[in-house]
Amino acid sequence: MLSEGRSGTNWLNSIADSTKQMGRSGEWLARHRLEQYRSKPSVDEILVKTKTDNDRFAIKLFPKHVREYQDRWGEDFIKEVASRHEVALVHLERRDKIAQAISMARARMTGQWSSRRETGSSENYDFRAIARELFLISQSDAFWRAYLAARNWSHVHFYYEDLVSDPQPYFAFLADKLDVPEVTEFKSHRTIQRDQVSEEWRRRFFEDAQSANLTQDARPQPTPRTIRNFVRFLAGAL
């Protein structure tokens, strides 16, 4: 699954994972997971963690994941997997980028990335935070479109909004590619996180955007000055 945060990936993956036949999808290339390896792991060393007992694997990838893998070991993870296994690629995105950006901003503030995790952390409307997420999300979607176009790889594309009302086409595609029975019940322990706070932030964002300096406000935050980031900077400069 090629996507970006807050696009319904947790919801869809929880349904797929509940079948115990469609792999164990997750962010297996997230930085904290890759930091567990002292040297470059083999592709299958990573994939074994994503497999179900029927030898099917699934993995969720955001642009930052493949970039992290590339930065560490100089390889394109997707290309490596495709050279060894039959792969089906799904590009999932969300039409309503504003709603996605608000959801992303709120999740970063509270640390609550799913409906199952309650953190109790506070959240406050922040125009700049939402603007930064909006541009990040748009860049991520453009990254996947360009990547898939350049590779000229077969893939299927879904919009989150279409699947909310009827997720069957997504699971029919997975069942066909993985050669497993189709999902007949689309029950999930995840719920859609949408409330009056999101609607109020949306209204305020559109109002503020009329007078905001978007070219300034949407700029990414400076990279933290840590030893690790300094080493990565030097490595990229060599």
Protein backbone atom coordinates (compact mmCIF):
# COMPACT_ATOMS: atom_id res chain seq x y z
CA MET A 1 0.00 0.00 0.00
CA LEU A 2 1.49 3.31 -1.14
CA SER A 3 -0.07 6.22 0.68
CA GLU A 4 0.34 8.98 3.28
CA GLY A 5 -0.98 9.32 6.81
CA ARG A 6 -4.64 9.94 7.65
CA SER A 7 -5.93 8.43 4.41
CA GLY A 8 -7.77 5.44 5.86
CA THR A 9 -4.82 3.05 5.90
CA ASN A 10 -5.33 1.97 9.53
CA TRP A 11 -9.02 1.29 8.94
CA LEU A 12 -8.49 -0.78 5.78
CA ASN A 13 -5.54 -2.67 7.18
CA SER A 14 -7.38 -3.60 10.36
CA ILE A 15 -10.06 -5.31 8.24
CA ALA A 16 -7.49 -7.08 6.06
CA ASP A 17 -5.42 -8.16 9.07
CA SER A 18 -8.49 -9.61 10.78
CA THR A 19 -8.76 -12.23 8.00
CA LYS A 20 -5.31 -13.60 8.96
CA GLN A 21 -4.80 -14.35 5.26
CA MET A 22 -3.78 -11.01 3.77
CA GLY A 23 -0.47 -10.38 5.50
CA ARG A 24 0.19 -8.23 8.55
CA SER A 25 0.25 -4.75 7.15
CA GLY A 26 2.00 -2.01 9.05
CA GLU A 27 4.70 0.64 8.83
CA TRP A 28 7.51 -1.90 8.77
CA LEU A 29 9.97 0.63 7.32
CA ALA A 30 9.28 3.28 9.96
CA ARG A 31 12.49 4.79 11.35
CA HIS A 32 12.17 3.19 14.79
CA ARG A 33 11.87 -0.24 13.17
CA LEU A 34 14.85 0.22 10.87
CA GLU A 35 16.97 1.41 13.78
CA GLN A 36 16.73 -2.11 15.21
CA TYR A 37 19.04 -3.39 12.47
CA ARG A 38 22.78 -2.88 12.95
CA SER A 39 23.44 -3.65 9.29
CA LYS A 40 21.35 -3.78 6.14
CA PRO A 41 18.71 -6.52 6.52
CA SER A 42 17.73 -8.72 3.62
CA VAL A 43 14.35 -7.99 2.08
CA ASP A 44 13.00 -11.32 3.31
CA GLU A 45 14.23 -10.52 6.83
CA ILE A 46 11.81 -7.61 6.82
CA LEU A 47 9.02 -9.34 4.95
CA VAL A 48 8.89 -12.31 7.30
CA LYS A 49 7.47 -9.96 9.93
CA THR A 50 4.66 -8.94 7.58
CA LYS A 51 3.56 -12.47 6.61
CA THR A 52 0.54 -14.47 7.68
CA ASP A 53 0.68 -18.26 7.98
CA ASN A 54 -0.37 -18.69 4.33
CA ASP A 55 2.85 -16.97 3.19
CA ARG A 56 1.19 -13.73 2.06
CA PHE A 57 2.79 -10.43 3.03
CA ALA A 58 1.57 -6.85 3.19
CA ILE A 59 3.30 -3.59 3.96
CA LYS A 60 2.24 0.05 4.19
CA LEU A 61 4.64 2.60 2.74
CA PHE A 62 4.75 6.38 2.96
CA PRO A 63 7.36 8.37 1.00
CA LYS A 64 9.33 8.98 4.19
CA HIS A 65 9.68 5.21 4.65
CA VAL A 66 11.28 4.51 1.29
CA ARG A 67 13.48 7.60 1.68
CA GLU A 68 14.64 6.40 5.10
CA TYR A 69 15.53 3.00 3.64
CA GLN A 70 17.29 4.67 0.70
CA ASP A 71 19.25 7.00 2.98
CA ARG A 72 20.41 4.13 5.18
CA TRP A 73 21.30 1.52 2.60
CA GLY A 74 21.24 3.13 -0.81
CA GLU A 75 18.53 0.89 -2.21
CA ASP A 76 14.96 1.22 -3.46
CA PHE A 77 13.04 -1.12 -1.15
CA ILE A 78 10.09 -1.55 -3.51
CA LYS A 79 12.36 -2.44 -6.41
CA GLU A 80 14.22 -4.94 -4.23
CA VAL A 81 10.97 -6.65 -3.20
CA ALA A 82 9.62 -6.67 -6.77
CA SER A 83 12.82 -8.32 -8.02
CA ARG A 84 12.26 -11.25 -5.66
CA HIS A 85 8.48 -11.59 -5.30
CA GLU A 86 5.27 -11.08 -7.20
CA VAL A 87 3.98 -7.74 -6.00
CA ALA A 88 0.63 -5.97 -6.21
CA LEU A 89 0.74 -2.20 -5.71
CA VAL A 90 -2.13 -0.12 -4.35
CA HIS A 91 -1.99 3.69 -4.38
CA LEU A 92 -4.44 5.05 -1.81
CA GLU A 93 -5.09 8.75 -1.40
CA ARG A 94 -7.70 11.11 -0.09
CA ARG A 95 -9.55 13.69 -2.17
CA ASP A 96 -10.22 16.06 0.72
CA LYS A 97 -6.67 17.22 1.43
CA ILE A 98 -7.84 19.87 3.90
CA ALA A 99 -9.58 17.28 6.09
CA GLN A 100 -6.53 15.06 5.83
CA ALA A 101 -4.20 17.90 6.82
CA ILE A 102 -6.34 18.81 9.82
CA SER A 103 -6.43 15.18 10.91
CA MET A 104 -2.65 14.94 10.53
CA ALA A 105 -2.05 18.13 12.51
CA ARG A 106 -4.30 16.95 15.33
CA ALA A 107 -2.62 13.55 15.44
CA ARG A 108 0.84 15.13 15.73
CA MET A 109 -0.34 17.36 18.55
CA THR A 110 -1.98 14.61 20.57
CA GLY A 111 0.00 11.55 19.50
CA GLN A 112 -3.33 9.82 18.81
CA TRP A 113 -2.90 8.12 15.43
CA SER A 114 -5.88 5.80 15.73
CA SER A 115 -9.24 5.66 17.47
CA ARG A 116 -7.92 2.90 19.73
CA ARG A 117 -5.27 5.06 21.34
CA GLU A 118 -6.26 7.76 23.80
CA THR A 119 -3.39 9.97 24.92
CA GLY A 120 -5.10 12.81 26.71
CA SER A 121 -2.69 15.30 25.15
CA SER A 122 -4.03 18.75 24.32
CA GLU A 123 -4.64 20.17 20.88
CA ASN A 124 -4.97 23.77 19.79
CA TYR A 125 -5.82 25.22 16.40
CA ASP A 126 -2.64 26.14 14.52
CA PHE A 127 -2.94 27.53 10.99
CA ARG A 128 0.73 27.01 10.18
CA ALA A 129 0.68 23.40 11.35
CA ILE A 130 -2.27 22.60 9.10
CA ALA A 131 -0.73 24.44 6.16
CA ARG A 132 2.52 22.50 6.52
CA GLU A 133 0.62 19.20 6.58
CA LEU A 134 -1.43 20.21 3.54
CA PHE A 135 1.66 20.80 1.43
CA LEU A 136 3.37 17.67 2.78
CA ILE A 137 0.37 15.50 1.87
CA SER A 138 0.18 16.99 -1.62
CA GLN A 139 3.89 16.35 -2.14
CA SER A 140 3.52 12.76 -0.95
CA ASP A 141 0.69 12.03 -3.37
CA ALA A 142 2.72 13.60 -6.18
CA PHE A 143 5.72 11.47 -5.18
CA TRP A 144 3.77 8.23 -5.60
CA ARG A 145 2.25 9.32 -8.90
CA ALA A 146 5.67 10.24 -10.28
CA TYR A 147 7.30 7.08 -8.88
CA LEU A 148 4.71 4.77 -10.43
CA ALA A 149 4.80 6.66 -13.73
CA ALA A 150 8.60 6.44 -13.92
CA ARG A 151 8.64 2.73 -13.09
CA ASN A 152 5.71 2.10 -15.42
CA TRP A 153 4.48 -0.52 -12.99
CA SER A 154 0.97 -1.88 -12.98
CA HIS A 155 -1.00 -0.71 -9.98
CA VAL A 156 -4.52 0.08 -8.82
CA HIS A 157 -5.65 3.42 -7.42
CA PHE A 158 -8.33 4.08 -4.81
CA TYR A 159 -9.71 7.16 -3.12
CA TYR A 160 -10.47 6.87 0.57
CA GLU A 161 -13.81 8.65 0.18
CA ASP A 162 -15.07 6.03 -2.29
CA LEU A 163 -14.10 3.15 -0.01
CA VAL A 164 -15.80 4.59 3.08
CA SER A 165 -19.20 3.84 1.58
CA ASP A 166 -18.14 0.63 -0.16
CA PRO A 167 -14.74 -0.97 0.59
CA GLN A 168 -15.57 -4.11 -1.41
CA PRO A 169 -13.60 -3.14 -4.57
CA TYR A 170 -10.42 -2.78 -2.51
CA PHE A 171 -10.77 -6.15 -0.83
CA ALA A 172 -11.82 -7.84 -4.07
CA PHE A 173 -8.55 -6.64 -5.59
CA LEU A 174 -6.55 -7.97 -2.63
CA ALA A 175 -8.32 -11.33 -2.67
CA ASP A 176 -7.63 -11.73 -6.38
CA LYS A 177 -3.94 -10.79 -6.18
CA LEU A 178 -3.28 -12.80 -3.01
CA ASP A 179 -5.40 -15.75 -4.15
CA VAL A 180 -7.41 -15.86 -0.94
CA PRO A 181 -11.17 -15.81 -0.23
CA GLU A 182 -12.89 -12.46 -0.53
CA VAL A 183 -13.84 -10.51 2.57
CA THR A 184 -17.59 -10.58 3.16
CA GLU A 185 -17.83 -8.56 6.39
CA PHE A 186 -16.10 -5.22 6.65
CA LYS A 187 -15.99 -4.87 10.41
CA SER A 188 -13.14 -2.95 11.97
CA HIS A 189 -12.08 -2.07 15.51
CA ARG A 190 -11.02 1.30 14.08
CA THR A 191 -13.53 4.12 13.80
CA ILE A 192 -13.44 7.19 11.59
CA GLN A 193 -12.02 10.10 13.59
CA ARG A 194 -14.14 13.10 12.67
CA ASP A 195 -15.87 15.54 15.00
CA GLN A 196 -16.94 19.14 15.50
CA VAL A 197 -13.38 20.19 16.30
CA SER A 198 -12.29 19.20 12.80
CA GLU A 199 -15.19 21.13 11.27
CA GLU A 200 -14.40 24.23 13.32
CA TRP A 201 -10.70 24.07 12.40
CA ARG A 202 -11.67 23.72 8.76
CA ARG A 203 -13.77 26.88 8.90
CA ARG A 204 -11.01 28.83 10.65
CA PHE A 205 -8.35 27.55 8.25
CA PHE A 206 -10.22 28.79 5.18
CA GLU A 207 -10.75 32.17 6.83
CA ASP A 208 -7.10 32.52 7.82
CA ALA A 209 -5.84 31.33 4.43
CA GLN A 210 -7.30 34.43 2.78
CA SER A 211 -4.85 36.72 4.54
CA ALA A 212 -2.02 34.30 5.31
CA ASN A 213 1.41 34.23 3.71
CA LEU A 214 1.20 30.64 2.50
CA THR A 215 4.66 30.60 0.94
CA GLN A 216 6.06 31.28 4.40
CA ASP A 217 3.57 29.48 6.63
CA ALA A 218 3.66 26.23 4.67
CA ARG A 219 7.46 25.87 4.89
CA PRO A 220 8.63 22.72 6.72
CA GLN A 221 9.96 23.13 10.22
CA PRO A 222 13.76 23.16 10.52
CA THR A 223 15.37 19.77 10.97
CA PRO A 224 16.25 19.21 14.65
CA ARG A 225 19.96 19.69 15.35
CA THR A 226 20.79 16.21 16.57
CA ILE A 227 23.99 14.23 16.14
CA ARG A 228 22.16 11.70 13.98
CA ASN A 229 20.82 14.37 11.62
CA PHE A 230 24.28 15.99 11.43
CA VAL A 231 25.81 12.65 10.41
CA ARG A 232 23.11 12.14 7.80
CA PHE A 233 23.76 15.62 6.43
CA LEU A 234 27.48 14.88 6.09
CA ALA A 235 26.76 11.54 4.42
CA GLY A 236 24.56 13.25 1.85
CA ALA A 237 27.21 15.88 1.16
CA LEU A 238 29.95 13.34 0.41
